[in-house]
C-alpha cells in the first residue's frame, strides 16, 4: 500500500529520503501516515485484508459453527445475558 500512497501529493515529505530508513519506520507510523493522507480508500483496503485474514483463519482452523436459526433468534432476543458475554458469543458465532 505504501507504493500507492507515494502517489499522493506531499506523502514523501513525511518519509526519510533514504529508502533503507523508510524500512526501519514503525508500521504503526506508516499506517497512521497513510490513513491521514489517503483516508477512506486505505481504511477500506485494510478492512478487506482483515476480512480475508479472518476468513482464512476460520477455514484453516475450522472455527465456523452451525446454529439452528430458531436457537440463534432466541439467543439474540434474550435479555438475561450480559453485554460483554453477548459480544463474545456473537464473535464466536460469526467467526
PDB file of N, CA and C in Angstrom:
ATOM      1  N   UNK A   1       0.825  -1.201   0.000  1.00  0.00           N
ATOM      2  CA  UNK A   1       0.000   0.000   0.000  1.00  0.00           C
ATOM      3  C   UNK A   1       0.865   1.261   0.000  1.00  0.00           C
ATOM      4  N   UNK A   2       2.070   1.177   0.555  1.00  0.00           N
ATOM      5  CA  UNK A   2       2.928   2.367   0.591  1.00  0.00           C
ATOM      6  C   UNK A   2       3.278   2.817  -0.827  1.00  0.00           C
ATOM      7  N   UNK A   3       3.351   1.878  -1.755  1.00  0.00           N
ATOM      8  CA  UNK A   3       3.636   2.233  -3.147  1.00  0.00           C
ATOM      9  C   UNK A   3       2.520   3.128  -3.686  1.00  0.00           C
ATOM     10  N   UNK A   4       1.262   2.757  -3.422  1.00  0.00           N
ATOM     11  CA  UNK A   4       0.139   3.581  -3.861  1.00  0.00           C
ATOM     12  C   UNK A   4       0.087   4.899  -3.101  1.00  0.00           C
ATOM     13  N   UNK A   5       0.441   4.873  -1.829  1.00  0.00           N
ATOM     14  CA  UNK A   5       0.401   6.095  -1.020  1.00  0.00           C
ATOM     15  C   UNK A   5       1.417   7.116  -1.522  1.00  0.00           C
ATOM     16  N   UNK A   6       2.533   6.648  -2.028  1.00  0.00           N
ATOM     17  CA  UNK A   6       3.566   7.571  -2.535  1.00  0.00           C
ATOM     18  C   UNK A   6       3.048   8.425  -3.690  1.00  0.00           C
ATOM     19  N   UNK A   7       1.983   7.991  -4.347  1.00  0.00           N
ATOM     20  CA  UNK A   7       1.420   8.746  -5.472  1.00  0.00           C
ATOM     21  C   UNK A   7       0.665   9.987  -5.000  1.00  0.00           C
ATOM     22  N   UNK A   8       0.292  10.030  -3.725  1.00  0.00           N
ATOM     23  CA  UNK A   8      -0.447  11.177  -3.198  1.00  0.00           C
ATOM     24  C   UNK A   8       0.498  12.345  -2.937  1.00  0.00           C
ATOM     25  N   UNK A   9       0.078  13.538  -3.319  1.00  0.00           N
ATOM     26  CA  UNK A   9       0.934  14.715  -3.143  1.00  0.00           C
ATOM     27  C   UNK A   9       1.309  14.927  -1.677  1.00  0.00           C
ATOM     28  N   UNK A  10       2.566  15.179  -1.443  1.00  0.00           N
ATOM     29  CA  UNK A  10       3.038  15.501  -0.106  1.00  0.00           C
ATOM     30  C   UNK A  10       3.364  14.305   0.764  1.00  0.00           C
ATOM     31  N   UNK A  11       3.009  13.107   0.332  1.00  0.00           N
ATOM     32  CA  UNK A  11       3.253  11.928   1.171  1.00  0.00           C
ATOM     33  C   UNK A  11       4.739  11.755   1.463  1.00  0.00           C
ATOM     34  N   UNK A  12       5.563  11.899   0.443  1.00  0.00           N
ATOM     35  CA  UNK A  12       7.004  11.695   0.606  1.00  0.00           C
ATOM     36  C   UNK A  12       7.641  12.721   1.532  1.00  0.00           C
ATOM     37  N   UNK A  13       6.976  13.844   1.765  1.00  0.00           N
ATOM     38  CA  UNK A  13       7.517  14.859   2.669  1.00  0.00           C
ATOM     39  C   UNK A  13       7.646  14.336   4.101  1.00  0.00           C
ATOM     40  N   UNK A  14       6.889  13.286   4.429  1.00  0.00           N
ATOM     41  CA  UNK A  14       6.875  12.758   5.794  1.00  0.00           C
ATOM     42  C   UNK A  14       7.745  11.511   5.948  1.00  0.00           C
ATOM     43  N   UNK A  15       8.480  11.166   4.889  1.00  0.00           N
ATOM     44  CA  UNK A  15       9.344   9.990   4.920  1.00  0.00           C
ATOM     45  C   UNK A  15      10.799  10.398   4.810  1.00  0.00           C
ATOM     46  N   UNK A  16      11.691   9.588   5.372  1.00  0.00           N
ATOM     47  CA  UNK A  16      13.121   9.865   5.189  1.00  0.00           C
ATOM     48  C   UNK A  16      13.492   9.772   3.708  1.00  0.00           C
ATOM     49  N   UNK A  17      14.549  10.446   3.326  1.00  0.00           N
ATOM     50  CA  UNK A  17      14.964  10.424   1.924  1.00  0.00           C
ATOM     51  C   UNK A  17      15.683   9.126   1.570  1.00  0.00           C
ATOM     52  N   UNK A  18      16.298   8.487   2.559  1.00  0.00           N
ATOM     53  CA  UNK A  18      16.991   7.210   2.344  1.00  0.00           C
ATOM     54  C   UNK A  18      15.989   6.060   2.336  1.00  0.00           C
ATOM     55  N   UNK A  19      15.908   5.276   1.260  1.00  0.00           N
ATOM     56  CA  UNK A  19      14.965   4.145   1.224  1.00  0.00           C
ATOM     57  C   UNK A  19      15.162   3.148   2.363  1.00  0.00           C
ATOM     58  N   UNK A  20      16.432   2.924   2.766  1.00  0.00           N
ATOM     59  CA  UNK A  20      16.693   1.980   3.868  1.00  0.00           C
ATOM     60  C   UNK A  20      16.090   2.471   5.175  1.00  0.00           C
ATOM     61  N   UNK A  21      16.027   3.778   5.352  1.00  0.00           N
ATOM     62  CA  UNK A  21      15.457   4.345   6.574  1.00  0.00           C
ATOM     63  C   UNK A  21      13.940   4.181   6.613  1.00  0.00           C
ATOM     64  N   UNK A  22      13.310   4.206   5.445  1.00  0.00           N
ATOM     65  CA  UNK A  22      11.859   4.010   5.379  1.00  0.00           C
ATOM     66  C   UNK A  22      11.509   2.619   5.903  1.00  0.00           C
ATOM     67  N   UNK A  23      12.321   1.625   5.569  1.00  0.00           N
ATOM     68  CA  UNK A  23      12.082   0.253   6.016  1.00  0.00           C
ATOM     69  C   UNK A  23      12.164   0.116   7.531  1.00  0.00           C
ATOM     70  N   UNK A  24      12.875   1.018   8.183  1.00  0.00           N
ATOM     71  CA  UNK A  24      13.052   0.958   9.635  1.00  0.00           C
ATOM     72  C   UNK A  24      11.916   1.635  10.400  1.00  0.00           C
ATOM     73  N   UNK A  25      11.067   2.366   9.696  1.00  0.00           N
ATOM     74  CA  UNK A  25       9.972   3.065  10.367  1.00  0.00           C
ATOM     75  C   UNK A  25       8.974   2.083  10.965  1.00  0.00           C
ATOM     76  N   UNK A  26       8.423   2.403  12.134  1.00  0.00           N
ATOM     77  CA  UNK A  26       7.418   1.524  12.734  1.00  0.00           C
ATOM     78  C   UNK A  26       6.185   1.414  11.828  1.00  0.00           C
ATOM     79  N   UNK A  27       5.614   0.236  11.778  1.00  0.00           N
ATOM     80  CA  UNK A  27       4.426   0.002  10.942  1.00  0.00           C
ATOM     81  C   UNK A  27       3.272   0.902  11.366  1.00  0.00           C
ATOM     82  N   UNK A  28       3.157   1.141  12.668  1.00  0.00           N
ATOM     83  CA  UNK A  28       2.069   1.987  13.161  1.00  0.00           C
ATOM     84  C   UNK A  28       2.210   3.408  12.608  1.00  0.00           C
ATOM     85  N   UNK A  29       3.431   3.907  12.543  1.00  0.00           N
ATOM     86  CA  UNK A  29       3.654   5.247  11.994  1.00  0.00           C
ATOM     87  C   UNK A  29       3.229   5.290  10.525  1.00  0.00           C
ATOM     88  N   UNK A  30       3.652   4.281   9.763  1.00  0.00           N
ATOM     89  CA  UNK A  30       3.296   4.247   8.345  1.00  0.00           C
ATOM     90  C   UNK A  30       1.791   4.126   8.152  1.00  0.00           C
ATOM     91  N   UNK A  31       1.152   3.273   8.946  1.00  0.00           N
ATOM     92  CA  UNK A  31      -0.298   3.105   8.830  1.00  0.00           C
ATOM     93  C   UNK A  31      -1.020   4.410   9.149  1.00  0.00           C
ATOM     94  N   UNK A  32      -0.610   5.085  10.216  1.00  0.00           N
ATOM     95  CA  UNK A  32      -1.236   6.356  10.573  1.00  0.00           C
ATOM     96  C   UNK A  32      -0.994   7.424   9.509  1.00  0.00           C
ATOM     97  N   UNK A  33       0.210   7.445   8.987  1.00  0.00           N
ATOM     98  CA  UNK A  33       0.552   8.417   7.947  1.00  0.00           C
ATOM     99  C   UNK A  33      -0.287   8.172   6.682  1.00  0.00           C
ATOM    100  N   UNK A  34      -0.350   6.912   6.272  1.00  0.00           N
ATOM    101  CA  UNK A  34      -1.118   6.590   5.064  1.00  0.00           C
ATOM    102  C   UNK A  34      -2.594   6.928   5.272  1.00  0.00           C
ATOM    103  N   UNK A  35      -3.143   6.558   6.435  1.00  0.00           N
ATOM    104  CA  UNK A  35      -4.559   6.842   6.680  1.00  0.00           C
ATOM    105  C   UNK A  35      -4.817   8.347   6.704  1.00  0.00           C
ATOM    106  N   UNK A  36      -3.900   9.104   7.291  1.00  0.00           N
ATOM    107  CA  UNK A  36      -4.076  10.554   7.359  1.00  0.00           C
ATOM    108  C   UNK A  36      -4.087  11.178   5.970  1.00  0.00           C
ATOM    109  N   UNK A  37      -3.218  10.707   5.104  1.00  0.00           N
ATOM    110  CA  UNK A  37      -3.103  11.313   3.781  1.00  0.00           C
ATOM    111  C   UNK A  37      -4.073  10.686   2.766  1.00  0.00           C
ATOM    112  N   UNK A  38      -4.196   9.377   2.770  1.00  0.00           N
ATOM    113  CA  UNK A  38      -5.032   8.696   1.780  1.00  0.00           C
ATOM    114  C   UNK A  38      -6.488   8.649   2.236  1.00  0.00           C
ATOM    115  N   UNK A  39      -6.708   8.386   3.517  1.00  0.00           N
ATOM    116  CA  UNK A  39      -8.060   8.399   4.070  1.00  0.00           C
ATOM    117  C   UNK A  39      -8.854   7.132   3.835  1.00  0.00           C
ATOM    118  N   UNK A  40     -10.109   7.297   3.440  1.00  0.00           N
ATOM    119  CA  UNK A  40     -11.064   6.185   3.316  1.00  0.00           C
ATOM    120  C   UNK A  40     -10.610   5.048   2.395  1.00  0.00           C
ATOM    121  N   UNK A  41      -9.981   5.319   1.262  1.00  0.00           N
ATOM    122  CA  UNK A  41      -9.525   4.182   0.436  1.00  0.00           C
ATOM    123  C   UNK A  41      -8.582   3.250   1.208  1.00  0.00           C
ATOM    124  N   UNK A  42      -7.722   3.820   2.033  1.00  0.00           N
ATOM    125  CA  UNK A  42      -6.808   2.999   2.835  1.00  0.00           C
ATOM    126  C   UNK A  42      -7.590   2.223   3.891  1.00  0.00           C
ATOM    127  N   UNK A  43      -8.540   2.885   4.534  1.00  0.00           N
ATOM    128  CA  UNK A  43      -9.363   2.217   5.544  1.00  0.00           C
ATOM    129  C   UNK A  43     -10.109   1.043   4.911  1.00  0.00           C
ATOM    130  N   UNK A  44     -10.644   1.251   3.729  1.00  0.00           N
ATOM    131  CA  UNK A  44     -11.354   0.195   3.010  1.00  0.00           C
ATOM    132  C   UNK A  44     -10.403  -0.956   2.671  1.00  0.00           C
ATOM    133  N   UNK A  45      -9.220  -0.640   2.202  1.00  0.00           N
ATOM    134  CA  UNK A  45      -8.217  -1.648   1.854  1.00  0.00           C
ATOM    135  C   UNK A  45      -7.850  -2.481   3.078  1.00  0.00           C
ATOM    136  N   UNK A  46      -7.628  -1.828   4.215  1.00  0.00           N
ATOM    137  CA  UNK A  46      -7.292  -2.537   5.452  1.00  0.00           C
ATOM    138  C   UNK A  46      -8.452  -3.449   5.857  1.00  0.00           C
ATOM    139  N   UNK A  47      -9.673  -2.950   5.766  1.00  0.00           N
ATOM    140  CA  UNK A  47     -10.846  -3.756   6.103  1.00  0.00           C
ATOM    141  C   UNK A  47     -10.941  -5.016   5.263  1.00  0.00           C
ATOM    142  N   UNK A  48     -10.656  -4.886   3.981  1.00  0.00           N
ATOM    143  CA  UNK A  48     -10.679  -6.048   3.087  1.00  0.00           C
ATOM    144  C   UNK A  48      -9.612  -7.058   3.480  1.00  0.00           C
ATOM    145  N   UNK A  49      -8.401  -6.589   3.780  1.00  0.00           N
ATOM    146  CA  UNK A  49      -7.325  -7.501   4.185  1.00  0.00           C
ATOM    147  C   UNK A  49      -7.680  -8.205   5.489  1.00  0.00           C
ATOM    148  N   UNK A  50      -8.305  -7.485   6.419  1.00  0.00           N
ATOM    149  CA  UNK A  50      -8.701  -8.087   7.695  1.00  0.00           C
ATOM    150  C   UNK A  50      -9.759  -9.167   7.473  1.00  0.00           C
ATOM    151  N   UNK A  51     -10.723  -8.879   6.609  1.00  0.00           N
ATOM    152  CA  UNK A  51     -11.779  -9.851   6.317  1.00  0.00           C
ATOM    153  C   UNK A  51     -11.195 -11.095   5.664  1.00  0.00           C
ATOM    154  N   UNK A  52     -10.258 -10.909   4.715  1.00  0.00           N
ATOM    155  CA  UNK A  52      -9.608 -12.044   4.068  1.00  0.00           C
ATOM    156  C   UNK A  52      -8.867 -12.901   5.088  1.00  0.00           C
ATOM    157  N   UNK A  53      -8.162 -12.247   6.013  1.00  0.00           N
ATOM    158  CA  UNK A  53      -7.405 -12.972   7.042  1.00  0.00           C
ATOM    159  C   UNK A  53      -8.356 -13.739   7.960  1.00  0.00           C
ATOM    160  N   UNK A  54      -9.446 -13.102   8.350  1.00  0.00           N
ATOM    161  CA  UNK A  54     -10.427 -13.756   9.218  1.00  0.00           C
ATOM    162  C   UNK A  54     -11.001 -14.994   8.535  1.00  0.00           C
ATOM    163  N   UNK A  55     -11.364 -14.865   7.266  1.00  0.00           N
ATOM    164  CA  UNK A  55     -11.915 -15.993   6.526  1.00  0.00           C
ATOM    165  C   UNK A  55     -10.903 -17.125   6.411  1.00  0.00           C
ATOM    166  N   UNK A  56      -9.659 -16.774   6.149  1.00  0.00           N
ATOM    167  CA  UNK A  56      -8.609 -17.780   6.012  1.00  0.00           C
ATOM    168  C   UNK A  56      -8.410 -18.541   7.324  1.00  0.00           C
ATOM    169  N   UNK A  57      -8.333 -17.829   8.426  1.00  0.00           N
ATOM    170  CA  UNK A  57      -8.161 -18.459   9.735  1.00  0.00           C
ATOM    171  C   UNK A  57      -9.370 -19.311  10.084  1.00  0.00           C
ATOM    172  N   UNK A  58     -10.547 -18.784   9.791  1.00  0.00           N
ATOM    173  CA  UNK A  58     -11.780 -19.520  10.072  1.00  0.00           C
ATOM    174  C   UNK A  58     -11.778 -20.866   9.347  1.00  0.00           C
ATOM    175  N   UNK A  59     -11.354 -20.877   8.100  1.00  0.00           N
ATOM    176  CA  UNK A  59     -11.307 -22.117   7.331  1.00  0.00           C
ATOM    177  C   UNK A  59     -10.196 -23.042   7.804  1.00  0.00           C
ATOM    178  N   UNK A  60      -8.990 -22.492   7.963  1.00  0.00           N
ATOM    179  CA  UNK A  60      -7.832 -23.309   8.341  1.00  0.00           C
ATOM    180  C   UNK A  60      -8.020 -23.974   9.703  1.00  0.00           C
ATOM    181  N   UNK A  61      -8.623 -23.262  10.641  1.00  0.00           N
ATOM    182  CA  UNK A  61      -8.761 -23.784  11.998  1.00  0.00           C
ATOM    183  C   UNK A  61     -10.152 -24.348  12.271  1.00  0.00           C
ATOM    184  N   UNK A  62     -10.963 -24.435  11.245  1.00  0.00           N
ATOM    185  CA  UNK A  62     -12.314 -24.982  11.357  1.00  0.00           C
ATOM    186  C   UNK A  62     -13.064 -24.333  12.525  1.00  0.00           C
ATOM    187  N   UNK A  63     -13.133 -23.000  12.508  1.00  0.00           N
ATOM    188  CA  UNK A  63     -13.742 -22.260  13.610  1.00  0.00           C
ATOM    189  C   UNK A  63     -15.222 -21.960  13.415  1.00  0.00           C
ATOM    190  N   UNK A  64     -15.733 -22.226  12.240  1.00  0.00           N
ATOM    191  CA  UNK A  64     -17.142 -21.933  11.983  1.00  0.00           C
ATOM    192  C   UNK A  64     -18.017 -22.975  12.664  1.00  0.00           C
ATOM    193  N   UNK A  65     -19.102 -22.516  13.246  1.00  0.00           N
ATOM    194  CA  UNK A  65     -20.058 -23.436  13.854  1.00  0.00           C
ATOM    195  C   UNK A  65     -21.420 -23.185  13.230  1.00  0.00           C
ATOM    196  N   UNK A  66     -22.243 -24.209  13.230  1.00  0.00           N
ATOM    197  CA  UNK A  66     -23.597 -24.060  12.714  1.00  0.00           C
ATOM    198  C   UNK A  66     -24.546 -23.989  13.897  1.00  0.00           C
ATOM    199  N   UNK A  67     -25.549 -23.130  13.769  1.00  0.00           N
ATOM    200  CA  UNK A  67     -26.516 -22.970  14.837  1.00  0.00           C
ATOM    201  C   UNK A  67     -27.911 -22.934  14.223  1.00  0.00           C
ATOM    202  N   UNK A  68     -28.816 -23.605  14.859  1.00  0.00           N
ATOM    203  CA  UNK A  68     -30.195 -23.607  14.416  1.00  0.00           C
ATOM    204  C   UNK A  68     -30.709 -22.166  14.421  1.00  0.00           C
ATOM    205  N   UNK A  69     -31.354 -21.707  13.351  1.00  0.00           N
ATOM    206  CA  UNK A  69     -31.829 -20.323  13.284  1.00  0.00           C
ATOM    207  C   UNK A  69     -32.783 -19.945  14.423  1.00  0.00           C
ATOM    208  N   UNK A  70     -33.606 -20.878  14.864  1.00  0.00           N
ATOM    209  CA  UNK A  70     -34.534 -20.583  15.953  1.00  0.00           C
ATOM    210  C   UNK A  70     -33.792 -20.372  17.266  1.00  0.00           C
ATOM    211  N   UNK A  71     -32.776 -21.175  17.509  1.00  0.00           N
ATOM    212  CA  UNK A  71     -31.974 -21.014  18.728  1.00  0.00           C
ATOM    213  C   UNK A  71     -31.233 -19.689  18.682  1.00  0.00           C
ATOM    214  N   UNK A  72     -30.689 -19.360  17.522  1.00  0.00           N
ATOM    215  CA  UNK A  72     -29.982 -18.088  17.367  1.00  0.00           C
ATOM    216  C   UNK A  72     -30.913 -16.907  17.620  1.00  0.00           C
ATOM    217  N   UNK A  73     -32.121 -16.977  17.074  1.00  0.00           N
ATOM    218  CA  UNK A  73     -33.096 -15.897  17.278  1.00  0.00           C
ATOM    219  C   UNK A  73     -33.451 -15.770  18.752  1.00  0.00           C
ATOM    220  N   UNK A  74     -33.626 -16.882  19.437  1.00  0.00           N
ATOM    221  CA  UNK A  74     -33.934 -16.849  20.869  1.00  0.00           C
ATOM    222  C   UNK A  74     -32.757 -16.281  21.643  1.00  0.00           C
ATOM    223  N   UNK A  75     -31.574 -16.654  21.250  1.00  0.00           N
ATOM    224  CA  UNK A  75     -30.368 -16.146  21.906  1.00  0.00           C
ATOM    225  C   UNK A  75     -30.265 -14.631  21.753  1.00  0.00           C
ATOM    226  N   UNK A  76     -30.482 -14.129  20.536  1.00  0.00           N
ATOM    227  CA  UNK A  76     -30.411 -12.687  20.292  1.00  0.00           C
ATOM    228  C   UNK A  76     -31.477 -11.930  21.075  1.00  0.00           C
ATOM    229  N   UNK A  77     -32.644 -12.547  21.250  1.00  0.00           N
ATOM    230  CA  UNK A  77     -33.756 -11.889  21.940  1.00  0.00           C
ATOM    231  C   UNK A  77     -33.620 -11.952  23.461  1.00  0.00           C
ATOM    232  N   UNK A  78     -32.729 -12.784  23.953  1.00  0.00           N
ATOM    233  CA  UNK A  78     -32.593 -12.965  25.390  1.00  0.00           C
ATOM    234  C   UNK A  78     -32.056 -11.693  26.047  1.00  0.00           C
ATOM    235  N   UNK A  79     -32.620 -11.355  27.206  1.00  0.00           N
ATOM    236  CA  UNK A  79     -32.149 -10.185  27.964  1.00  0.00           C
ATOM    237  C   UNK A  79     -31.385 -10.623  29.204  1.00  0.00           C
ATOM    238  N   UNK A  80     -31.184 -11.910  29.376  1.00  0.00           N
ATOM    239  CA  UNK A  80     -30.517 -12.428  30.564  1.00  0.00           C
ATOM    240  C   UNK A  80     -29.031 -12.679  30.343  1.00  0.00           C
ATOM    241  N   UNK A  81     -28.476 -12.109  29.303  1.00  0.00           N
ATOM    242  CA  UNK A  81     -27.058 -12.295  29.010  1.00  0.00           C
ATOM    243  C   UNK A  81     -26.382 -10.933  29.111  1.00  0.00           C
ATOM    244  N   UNK A  82     -25.242 -10.906  29.796  1.00  0.00           N
ATOM    245  CA  UNK A  82     -24.539  -9.633  29.956  1.00  0.00           C
ATOM    246  C   UNK A  82     -24.055  -9.135  28.597  1.00  0.00           C
ATOM    247  N   UNK A  83     -23.856  -7.846  28.486  1.00  0.00           N
ATOM    248  CA  UNK A  83     -23.395  -7.244  27.234  1.00  0.00           C
ATOM    249  C   UNK A  83     -22.058  -7.782  26.786  1.00  0.00           C
ATOM    250  N   UNK A  84     -21.116  -7.952  27.737  1.00  0.00           N
ATOM    251  CA  UNK A  84     -19.806  -8.482  27.382  1.00  0.00           C
ATOM    252  C   UNK A  84     -19.926  -9.901  26.848  1.00  0.00           C
ATOM    253  N   UNK A  85     -20.657 -10.722  27.567  1.00  0.00           N
ATOM    254  CA  UNK A  85     -20.795 -12.116  27.176  1.00  0.00           C
ATOM    255  C   UNK A  85     -21.488 -12.219  25.826  1.00  0.00           C
ATOM    256  N   UNK A  86     -22.495 -11.401  25.608  1.00  0.00           N
ATOM    257  CA  UNK A  86     -23.236 -11.415  24.342  1.00  0.00           C
ATOM    258  C   UNK A  86     -22.298 -11.091  23.187  1.00  0.00           C
ATOM    259  N   UNK A  87     -21.421 -10.108  23.354  1.00  0.00           N
ATOM    260  CA  UNK A  87     -20.468  -9.725  22.298  1.00  0.00           C
ATOM    261  C   UNK A  87     -19.515 -10.866  22.015  1.00  0.00           C
ATOM    262  N   UNK A  88     -19.017 -11.505  23.053  1.00  0.00           N
ATOM    263  CA  UNK A  88     -18.086 -12.614  22.869  1.00  0.00           C
ATOM    264  C   UNK A  88     -18.767 -13.747  22.118  1.00  0.00           C
ATOM    265  N   UNK A  89     -19.969 -14.087  22.517  1.00  0.00           N
ATOM    266  CA  UNK A  89     -20.691 -15.169  21.852  1.00  0.00           C
ATOM    267  C   UNK A  89     -20.947 -14.807  20.389  1.00  0.00           C
ATOM    268  N   UNK A  90     -21.325 -13.558  20.129  1.00  0.00           N
ATOM    269  CA  UNK A  90     -21.614 -13.147  18.756  1.00  0.00           C
ATOM    270  C   UNK A  90     -20.342 -13.258  17.906  1.00  0.00           C
ATOM    271  N   UNK A  91     -19.178 -12.925  18.478  1.00  0.00           N
ATOM    272  CA  UNK A  91     -17.939 -13.058  17.745  1.00  0.00           C
ATOM    273  C   UNK A  91     -17.653 -14.512  17.429  1.00  0.00           C
ATOM    274  N   UNK A  92     -17.907 -15.375  18.389  1.00  0.00           N
ATOM    275  CA  UNK A  92     -17.673 -16.804  18.173  1.00  0.00           C
ATOM    276  C   UNK A  92     -18.612 -17.327  17.101  1.00  0.00           C
ATOM    277  N   UNK A  93     -19.858 -16.906  17.137  1.00  0.00           N
ATOM    278  CA  UNK A  93     -20.831 -17.383  16.163  1.00  0.00           C
ATOM    279  C   UNK A  93     -20.441 -16.963  14.753  1.00  0.00           C
ATOM    280  N   UNK A  94     -19.984 -15.738  14.604  1.00  0.00           N
ATOM    281  CA  UNK A  94     -19.692 -15.238  13.259  1.00  0.00           C
ATOM    282  C   UNK A  94     -18.279 -15.503  12.795  1.00  0.00           C
ATOM    283  N   UNK A  95     -17.424 -16.042  13.626  1.00  0.00           N
ATOM    284  CA  UNK A  95     -16.097 -16.427  13.163  1.00  0.00           C
ATOM    285  C   UNK A  95     -16.234 -17.712  12.457  1.00  0.00           C
TER     286      UNK A  95
END
